[in-house]
Protein backbone atom coordinates (compact mmCIF):
# COMPACT_ATOMS: atom_id res chain seq x y z
CA MET A 1 -2.76 40.35 58.43
CA THR A 2 -0.45 41.25 61.31
CA GLU A 3 3.32 40.95 61.13
CA HIS A 4 3.18 37.71 63.12
CA LEU A 5 0.23 35.42 63.68
CA THR A 6 -1.34 35.47 67.13
CA ASP A 7 -1.61 32.42 69.36
CA GLN A 8 -5.35 32.43 68.77
CA GLN A 9 -4.85 32.23 65.01
CA LEU A 10 -2.30 29.45 65.35
CA VAL A 11 -4.51 27.44 67.72
CA ALA A 12 -7.46 27.82 65.36
CA TYR A 13 -5.20 26.67 62.51
CA VAL A 14 -3.91 23.60 64.38
CA TYR A 15 -7.37 22.54 65.57
CA ARG A 16 -9.04 23.28 62.21
CA ALA A 17 -11.45 25.92 63.46
CA LEU A 18 -11.14 27.92 60.23
CA THR A 19 -12.92 28.19 56.91
CA ASP A 20 -11.05 27.24 53.76
CA ASP A 21 -10.49 30.92 52.89
CA GLN A 22 -9.17 31.71 56.36
CA ARG A 23 -6.83 28.73 56.27
CA ALA A 24 -5.54 29.71 52.82
CA GLU A 25 -4.80 33.21 54.13
CA LEU A 26 -2.79 31.82 57.06
CA ASP A 27 -1.03 29.36 54.74
CA HIS A 28 0.15 32.29 52.64
CA HIS A 29 1.44 34.12 55.70
CA LEU A 30 3.18 31.01 57.11
CA ALA A 31 5.02 30.42 53.85
CA ALA A 32 6.80 33.76 54.31
CA CYS A 33 7.14 33.93 58.10
CA ALA A 34 9.79 31.70 59.65
CA GLY A 35 9.01 32.95 63.16
CA CYS A 36 5.36 32.01 62.79
CA ARG A 37 6.32 28.52 61.64
CA THR A 38 8.46 28.14 64.75
CA GLN A 39 5.49 29.12 66.93
CA LEU A 40 3.30 26.78 64.90
CA ALA A 41 5.65 23.88 65.62
CA GLY A 42 5.22 24.53 69.36
CA HIS A 43 1.43 24.48 69.11
CA GLN A 44 1.63 21.38 66.95
CA ALA A 45 3.72 19.65 69.63
CA VAL A 46 0.93 20.32 72.14
CA GLN A 47 -1.61 18.95 69.66
CA ARG A 48 0.50 15.83 69.12
CA ARG A 49 0.53 15.13 72.87
CA VAL A 50 -3.22 15.67 73.05
CA HIS A 51 -3.78 13.40 70.05
CA ASN A 52 -1.60 10.59 71.34
CA HIS A 53 -3.17 10.84 74.79
CA ILE A 54 -6.66 10.48 73.31
CA VAL A 55 -5.65 7.52 71.16
CA ALA A 56 -3.96 5.79 74.09
CA ARG A 57 -7.05 6.19 76.25
CA ARG A 58 -9.30 5.05 73.42
CA ASN A 59 -7.29 1.84 73.16
CA GLU A 60 -7.89 1.17 76.85
CA ALA A 61 -11.60 1.88 76.92
CA THR A 62 -14.28 3.83 75.11
CA PRO A 63 -13.42 7.48 75.74
CA PRO A 64 -15.92 9.76 77.43
CA ALA A 65 -17.91 11.98 75.11
CA HIS A 66 -16.11 15.11 76.25
CA MET A 67 -12.67 13.80 75.22
CA THR A 68 -12.41 15.57 71.87
CA TYR A 69 -9.87 17.83 70.24
CA ALA A 70 -12.14 20.84 70.56
CA THR A 71 -12.70 20.54 74.30
CA ILE A 72 -9.10 19.65 75.09
CA ALA A 73 -7.91 22.57 72.97
CA GLN A 74 -10.01 24.82 75.20
CA ARG A 75 -8.32 23.40 78.29
CA VAL A 76 -4.85 23.76 76.85
CA TYR A 77 -5.49 27.33 75.73
CA PRO A 78 -7.81 28.95 78.32
CA PRO A 79 -7.32 32.53 77.05
CA TYR A 80 -8.50 31.46 73.61
CA ARG A 81 -11.42 29.66 75.19
CA ALA A 82 -12.43 32.74 77.16
CA MET A 83 -12.24 34.94 74.07
CA ARG A 84 -14.21 32.46 72.04
CA TRP A 85 -17.00 32.16 74.61
CA GLY A 86 -17.00 35.93 75.00
CA ARG A 87 -17.67 36.28 71.30
CA GLU A 88 -20.35 33.57 71.42
CA PHE A 89 -22.09 35.30 74.33
CA ASN A 90 -22.10 38.66 72.58
CA ARG A 91 -23.47 37.11 69.42
CA TYR A 92 -26.30 35.25 71.16
CA PHE A 93 -27.12 38.19 73.42
CA SER A 94 -27.38 40.53 70.43
CA GLY A 95 -29.54 38.02 68.59
CA ALA A 96 -31.86 37.60 71.57
CA LEU A 97 -32.34 41.38 71.86
CA ALA A 98 -33.18 41.61 68.15
CA VAL A 99 -35.76 38.81 68.40
CA ALA A 100 -37.32 40.39 71.52
CA ALA A 101 -37.58 43.77 69.82
CA LEU A 102 -39.20 42.22 66.74
CA LEU A 103 -41.71 40.31 68.88
CA ALA A 104 -42.62 43.45 70.83
CA LEU A 105 -43.17 45.38 67.60
CA LEU A 106 -45.47 42.68 66.22
CA ILE A 107 -47.53 42.57 69.40
CA LEU A 108 -47.87 46.33 69.33
CA LEU A 109 -49.07 46.31 65.71
CA ILE A 110 -51.59 43.56 66.44
CA SER A 111 -53.00 45.44 69.41
CA MET A 112 -53.33 48.61 67.37
CA PHE A 113 -54.85 47.23 64.16
CA GLY A 114 -56.17 43.81 65.05
CA GLY A 115 -59.93 43.13 64.86
CA ALA A 116 -61.96 40.08 65.64
CA GLN A 117 -59.51 37.87 63.82
CA GLN A 118 -56.93 36.32 66.15
CA VAL A 119 -53.36 36.34 64.95
CA THR A 120 -50.75 33.91 66.23
CA VAL A 121 -47.15 34.94 65.83
CA GLY A 122 -44.57 32.16 65.62
CA VAL A 123 -40.97 33.19 66.28
CA PRO A 124 -38.44 30.72 64.92
CA PRO A 125 -35.74 29.65 67.38
CA THR A 126 -32.31 31.19 67.06
CA PRO A 127 -30.36 28.86 64.77
CA THR A 128 -27.45 26.96 66.34
CA PRO A 129 -24.21 27.94 64.60
CA THR A 130 -22.41 25.14 62.84
CA VAL A 131 -18.86 24.85 61.63
CA ALA A 132 -18.36 23.27 58.24
CA PRO A 133 -15.96 20.32 58.45
CA THR A 134 -12.57 20.67 56.82
CA PRO A 135 -12.77 18.84 53.48
CA LEU A 136 -10.70 15.68 53.34
CA LEU A 137 -7.94 15.55 50.76
CA THR A 138 -7.87 12.48 48.56
CA ALA A 139 -6.09 11.35 45.45
CA THR A 140 -7.92 10.48 42.22
CA PRO A 141 -8.26 7.56 41.88
CA PRO A 142 -8.05 6.73 45.59
CA ALA A 143 -5.59 4.36 47.18
CA LYS A 144 -6.83 0.99 48.46
CA LEU A 145 -6.19 -0.70 51.81
CA MET A 146 -4.66 -4.15 51.28
CA TRP A 147 -4.30 -5.31 54.88
CA LYS A 148 -3.58 -4.16 58.39
CA ILE A 149 -1.74 -5.92 61.19
CA GLU A 150 -3.33 -5.30 64.56
CA GLY A 151 -4.51 -7.17 67.64
CA GLY A 152 -4.22 -10.94 67.93
CA ALA A 153 -2.76 -13.14 70.63
CA ASN A 154 0.68 -11.52 70.52
CA PRO A 155 -0.02 -8.00 69.26
CA LEU A 156 2.27 -5.18 68.26
CA ILE A 157 2.61 -2.37 70.77
CA GLY A 158 3.83 0.99 69.52
CA PRO A 159 5.30 -0.10 66.15
CA SER A 160 7.74 2.44 64.72
CA GLY A 161 10.52 1.81 62.17
CA LEU A 162 9.83 -0.29 59.04
CA ALA A 163 12.07 -1.90 56.41
CA LEU A 164 11.72 -4.29 53.45
CA ASP A 165 14.16 -6.94 52.26
CA ALA A 166 14.79 -8.03 48.66
CA GLU A 167 12.03 -10.67 48.89
CA GLY A 168 9.45 -8.12 50.02
CA ASN A 169 9.35 -9.26 53.63
CA LEU A 170 8.50 -6.53 56.12
CA TYR A 171 10.50 -5.93 59.30
CA VAL A 172 8.82 -3.95 62.09
CA VAL A 173 10.33 -2.32 65.17
CA ASP A 174 7.81 -3.41 67.82
CA GLY A 175 8.64 -0.65 70.30
CA GLY A 176 6.41 -1.59 73.21
CA ASN A 177 7.65 -5.18 73.16
CA ASP A 178 11.31 -4.24 72.48
CA ARG A 179 11.61 -6.68 69.60
CA ILE A 180 11.79 -7.02 65.82
CA VAL A 181 8.93 -8.80 64.02
CA LYS A 182 9.17 -10.11 60.44
CA TYR A 183 6.15 -10.54 58.11
CA ASP A 184 5.69 -11.80 54.59
CA GLN A 185 4.01 -9.79 51.82
CA ALA A 186 0.58 -10.98 52.93
CA GLY A 187 1.09 -9.76 56.48
CA GLN A 188 1.69 -13.22 57.96
CA ARG A 189 4.19 -13.34 60.82
CA LEU A 190 7.37 -15.22 59.98
CA ALA A 191 9.74 -14.59 62.87
CA GLN A 192 10.52 -12.36 65.82
CA TRP A 193 13.47 -11.71 68.08
CA GLY A 194 14.61 -9.44 70.88
CA GLY A 195 13.32 -8.43 74.29
CA HIS A 196 13.87 -5.65 76.76
CA GLY A 197 17.41 -5.13 78.04
CA GLN A 198 20.93 -4.00 77.30
CA GLY A 199 22.50 -7.29 76.25
CA ASP A 200 23.14 -8.62 72.76
CA ALA A 201 19.89 -8.91 70.73
CA GLN A 202 18.02 -6.95 73.40
CA PHE A 203 16.52 -3.50 72.89
CA THR A 204 15.18 -0.42 74.63
CA PHE A 205 12.92 1.43 72.21
CA GLY A 206 10.50 3.13 74.60
CA GLY A 207 10.76 5.06 77.80
CA ARG A 208 10.15 8.66 76.78
CA GLN A 209 6.84 9.83 78.21
CA ASP A 210 5.06 12.63 76.38
CA PRO A 211 4.14 14.59 78.41
CA PRO A 212 6.04 13.35 81.50
CA GLY A 213 3.93 12.09 84.37
CA GLU A 214 1.40 9.48 85.31
CA GLY A 215 -0.92 8.42 82.51
CA ALA A 216 1.27 9.94 79.80
CA PHE A 217 1.59 8.49 76.34
CA VAL A 218 4.93 6.72 75.82
CA ASP A 219 6.70 7.51 72.56
CA TYR A 220 8.56 4.63 70.94
CA TYR A 221 11.65 5.24 68.85
CA GLY A 222 13.71 2.87 66.79
CA GLY A 223 14.97 2.67 63.22
CA ILE A 224 15.69 -0.32 61.03
CA ALA A 225 17.45 -0.83 57.69
CA ILE A 226 18.44 -3.80 55.52
CA ASP A 227 21.45 -4.03 53.21
CA GLN A 228 21.67 -5.81 49.87
CA GLU A 229 22.87 -9.01 51.53
CA GLY A 230 19.85 -9.14 53.84
CA ASN A 231 21.65 -8.04 57.01
CA VAL A 232 19.41 -6.13 59.40
CA TYR A 233 20.63 -2.98 61.18
CA VAL A 234 18.60 -1.79 64.15
CA ALA A 235 18.85 1.62 65.79
CA ASP A 236 18.53 0.67 69.46
CA THR A 237 17.72 4.22 70.52
CA GLY A 238 17.35 3.73 74.26
CA ASN A 239 20.72 1.96 74.47
CA ALA A 240 22.41 4.48 72.11
CA ARG A 241 23.78 1.85 69.74
CA ILE A 242 23.39 0.02 66.44
CA GLN A 243 22.95 -3.76 66.36
CA ARG A 244 23.41 -5.93 63.27
CA PHE A 245 21.65 -9.25 62.61
CA ASP A 246 21.38 -11.70 59.75
CA ARG A 247 18.08 -12.18 57.93
CA ASN A 248 16.98 -14.77 60.51
CA GLY A 249 17.61 -12.55 63.51
CA ASN A 250 20.93 -14.04 64.60
CA PHE A 251 23.05 -11.44 66.38
CA LEU A 252 26.26 -10.47 64.52
CA LEU A 253 27.70 -7.31 66.10
CA LYS A 254 26.98 -3.99 67.80
CA TRP A 255 28.60 -0.59 68.20
CA GLY A 256 27.97 2.72 69.92
CA SER A 257 27.40 4.19 73.37
CA GLN A 258 25.88 7.29 74.91
CA GLY A 259 27.84 10.46 74.19
CA GLU A 260 28.81 13.14 71.70
CA GLY A 261 32.04 11.68 70.31
CA GLU A 262 32.69 9.76 67.13
CA GLY A 263 30.81 6.47 67.24
CA GLN A 264 28.71 7.69 70.17
CA PHE A 265 25.06 8.66 69.98
CA GLY A 266 22.54 10.96 71.58
CA HIS A 267 18.95 10.43 70.46
CA ILE A 268 18.91 8.30 67.29
CA VAL A 269 15.97 8.99 64.97
CA GLY A 270 16.82 6.67 62.06
CA VAL A 271 19.30 4.48 60.22
CA VAL A 272 19.82 3.73 56.50
CA VAL A 273 22.28 1.67 54.44
CA ASP A 274 23.67 2.67 51.03
CA SER A 275 24.51 0.53 47.99
CA GLN A 276 28.08 -0.02 49.26
CA GLY A 277 26.91 -1.31 52.61
CA ASP A 278 27.86 1.84 54.55
CA VAL A 279 25.55 2.77 57.43
CA TYR A 280 24.22 6.28 58.19
CA VAL A 281 22.80 7.13 61.62
CA ALA A 282 20.74 10.31 62.15
CA GLU A 283 20.48 12.06 65.51
CA ASP A 284 18.20 14.94 66.42
CA ALA A 285 18.91 17.86 68.77
CA PRO A 286 21.17 18.69 70.45
CA GLN A 287 23.65 16.85 68.20
CA SER A 288 21.60 17.29 64.99
CA ARG A 289 24.08 15.31 62.94
CA ILE A 290 24.64 12.30 60.69
CA GLN A 291 27.39 9.73 61.31
CA LYS A 292 28.63 7.31 58.65
CA PHE A 293 30.11 3.86 59.37
CA ASP A 294 31.18 0.87 57.34
CA ARG A 295 29.22 -2.37 57.63
CA ASP A 296 31.33 -3.47 60.62
CA GLY A 297 30.75 -0.31 62.61
CA LYS A 298 34.02 1.48 61.81
CA PHE A 299 33.55 5.25 61.97
CA LEU A 300 34.08 6.97 58.60
CA LEU A 301 32.82 10.56 58.90
CA LYS A 302 30.17 12.83 60.39
CA TRP A 303 28.50 16.10 59.53
CA VAL A 304 26.15 18.56 61.13
CA THR A 305 23.01 19.26 59.14
CA SER A 306 22.99 22.44 57.06
CA PRO A 307 20.64 25.37 57.72
CA SER A 308 17.17 25.02 56.25
CA THR A 309 15.54 27.02 53.47
CA THR A 310 13.82 29.07 56.15
CA GLY A 311 17.10 29.95 57.87
CA LEU A 312 16.07 28.02 60.98
CA PRO A 313 18.33 25.32 62.49
CA PHE A 314 17.77 21.89 60.93
CA SER A 315 17.40 18.93 63.27
CA PRO A 316 16.40 15.68 61.53
CA ASP A 317 13.27 13.81 62.58
CA ASP A 318 13.78 10.92 60.14
CA ILE A 319 16.13 9.76 57.36
CA ALA A 320 15.75 7.92 54.03
CA ILE A 321 18.04 7.03 51.11
CA ASP A 322 17.45 6.41 47.39
CA ARG A 323 19.16 4.02 44.96
CA GLN A 324 21.67 6.71 43.95
CA ASP A 325 22.75 7.01 47.59
CA VAL A 326 21.19 10.46 47.97
CA ILE A 327 20.11 10.97 51.58
CA TYR A 328 16.85 12.69 52.50
CA LEU A 329 16.18 14.21 55.92
CA VAL A 330 12.97 15.76 57.21
CA ASP A 331 12.61 18.29 60.02
CA LEU A 332 9.41 19.53 61.64
CA GLY A 333 10.95 22.54 63.38
CA SER A 334 12.27 24.18 60.20
CA GLY A 335 9.48 22.82 58.02
CA SER A 336 11.77 21.47 55.32
CA ILE A 337 13.30 18.44 53.60
CA GLN A 338 17.06 18.32 53.05
CA LYS A 339 19.07 16.36 50.48
CA VAL A 340 22.78 15.49 50.89
CA ASN A 341 25.12 13.08 49.15
CA SER A 342 26.87 10.13 50.76
CA ASN A 343 29.80 12.35 51.81
CA GLY A 344 27.56 14.78 53.62
CA GLN A 345 27.71 17.48 50.95
CA PHE A 346 24.57 19.59 50.80
CA ILE A 347 22.52 19.31 47.60
CA GLU A 348 19.30 21.22 48.23
CA ASN A 349 16.29 21.51 50.50
CA TRP A 350 12.58 22.12 49.98
CA PRO A 351 9.83 23.60 52.13
CA LEU A 352 7.28 21.14 53.45
CA LEU A 353 4.29 21.89 51.23
CA CYS A 354 1.63 19.35 50.28
CA GLY A 355 -0.15 20.64 47.23
CA ARG A 356 -1.45 24.09 46.44
CA ASN A 357 -1.06 26.61 49.22
CA SER A 358 -0.86 23.91 51.89
CA VAL A 359 1.60 23.94 54.79
CA MET A 360 2.83 20.53 55.96
CA MET A 361 2.00 20.61 59.62
CA SER A 362 3.48 17.56 61.29
CA PRO A 363 5.88 15.23 59.42
CA ASP A 364 6.41 11.94 61.24
CA SER A 365 8.47 9.89 58.78
CA ILE A 366 10.01 9.96 55.31
CA ALA A 367 10.48 7.25 52.67
CA VAL A 368 11.84 6.98 49.11
CA ASP A 369 10.50 4.45 46.60
CA PRO A 370 12.62 2.56 44.01
CA ASN A 371 11.86 5.26 41.41
CA GLY A 372 13.18 8.03 43.61
CA ASN A 373 9.81 9.48 44.63
CA VAL A 374 9.70 10.88 48.16
CA TYR A 375 6.89 10.32 50.68
CA ILE A 376 6.10 12.22 53.89
CA ALA A 377 3.67 11.00 56.56
CA ASP A 378 1.78 13.92 58.11
CA HIS A 379 -0.10 12.79 61.20
CA LEU A 380 -1.97 16.02 61.90
CA ALA A 381 -3.75 16.00 58.53
CA ASN A 382 -3.83 12.16 58.49
CA ARG A 383 -2.28 12.02 55.05
CA ILE A 384 0.67 10.80 52.99
CA CYS A 385 2.17 13.31 50.55
CA LYS A 386 4.21 12.25 47.52
CA TYR A 387 6.86 14.23 45.60
CA ASP A 388 9.23 13.51 42.75
CA ARG A 389 13.01 13.58 43.31
CA ALA A 390 13.07 17.33 42.52
CA GLY A 391 10.53 18.13 45.21
CA GLN A 392 7.53 18.64 42.92
CA PHE A 393 4.25 17.63 44.52
CA LEU A 394 2.63 14.56 42.90
CA ALA A 395 -0.21 13.22 45.05
CA ARG A 396 -1.66 12.86 48.54
CA TRP A 397 -3.78 10.23 50.24
CA ASP A 398 -6.00 10.62 53.26
CA ILE A 399 -5.28 7.67 55.55
CA GLU A 400 -8.57 8.00 57.40
CA ILE A 401 -10.45 7.46 54.13
CA ILE A 402 -8.25 4.51 53.14
CA VAL A 403 -8.42 2.76 56.50
CA GLY A 404 -11.81 3.90 57.74
CA SER A 405 -10.42 5.36 60.97
CA PRO A 406 -7.87 8.07 61.79
CA CYS A 407 -4.22 7.32 62.45
CA GLY A 408 -2.00 8.65 65.20
CA THR A 409 1.71 9.31 64.87
CA MET A 410 3.01 7.47 61.79
CA SER A 411 6.54 6.74 63.01
CA GLY A 412 7.62 4.48 60.16
CA MET A 413 7.00 4.19 56.43
CA VAL A 414 8.43 2.24 53.49
CA VAL A 415 7.41 1.72 49.83
CA ASP A 416 8.03 -1.45 47.80
CA THR A 417 8.77 -2.01 44.09
CA LYS A 418 5.03 -2.29 43.29
CA LYS A 419 4.28 1.11 44.89
CA ASN A 420 2.62 -0.51 47.90
CA THR A 421 3.06 1.73 50.94
CA TYR A 422 3.49 0.43 54.50
CA VAL A 423 2.83 2.73 57.45
CA SER A 424 3.20 2.14 61.19
CA ASP A 425 0.33 3.72 63.14
CA THR A 426 2.17 3.87 66.45
CA PRO A 427 -0.46 4.83 69.07
CA ASN A 428 -3.08 2.55 67.47
CA ASN A 429 -0.67 -0.42 67.62
CA ARG A 430 -1.01 -1.41 63.98
CA VAL A 431 0.78 -1.52 60.63
CA LEU A 432 -1.10 -0.66 57.42
CA LYS A 433 -0.45 -1.58 53.80
CA TYR A 434 -2.17 0.22 50.95
CA SER A 435 -1.73 0.18 47.18
CA GLN A 436 -1.25 3.35 45.16
CA PRO A 437 -3.38 3.85 42.04
């Protein structure tokens, strides 16, 4: 193994063009190489754009047969494609020469020793190489899909943040429609409010194209949290502010503006509320910080996230909080989870591993259940990984097996008191609910 992994190795890792043994070898190297994980994050970002682009096109019409990860990976990485086809050519050419030589030898022997009996020589065709599929990871016993919200007369578009109230009602940030939608435990719609704009009870959740340009997939951002009194706090990312509503969607107050000062926001990635009603707002790079407010929006304190276990800068991608007011942050770039207390004091962080010798490739969202267990949604492997409060791996579930079709970016996740898990499948415009065993 070289000191650092090559781009070809990383591309093969991201696009699953490896055997189990090869992947385990790279996993071992990645666990010890922070620089390689940084490069891996860049390749993963390309894969995420490819994935979301495919899903978006599939939602519009049946995609052409050539629109697959393998072919698009070749377009994105032409040097790797050229090397791969060079190896394929050499292998087939060598095989053809061997078969021709064998055939010539047989004909020569027949002509030398053959009598009246006619001999027919059948040469089997050169076998077509196949790549064994990567085995899907499932829990035992498996999780069960309870329902999914998708389609209909007034469908969700780009759902992201999720939250549950004390009655078990589900609140969804409907990013493409710039609104909040409320459902009961059976997935029946109860209420909705909002609309695009900058006024009170209006939102701007979308607008970031990935990649920029015509036909690009639009990423939707927006967090949501509910306090013990049923008040709803919405991270209105595009308008750089927090809005507060009652349980029926009536507007109560707002605070924040674009900027780097206290009470100002850059790019908000999530919002949570603690047991005292204080509100925590997470921002990713370049601010990479957490701000704390009281329930009325009064600024209390802020802190910049601590370095990760890998020594790389930590920039949160999502935020969650447990019943002891311990805050959990997840970061793709550093490949780690960070824990802090309600005053911003660092507790610990863990590397993003999902089971034995497995590197967590692409965390989308994080959630904590009432028992303090931590969940990470990993869109690249289409799985949910579960840990205890100390970071020990407990279980994983393959969403494609549960649902019957793959998910895209899973921008929101929440777990209820009965261990039911809710996931927003953003590019497929749906919300899923499954029960844990």
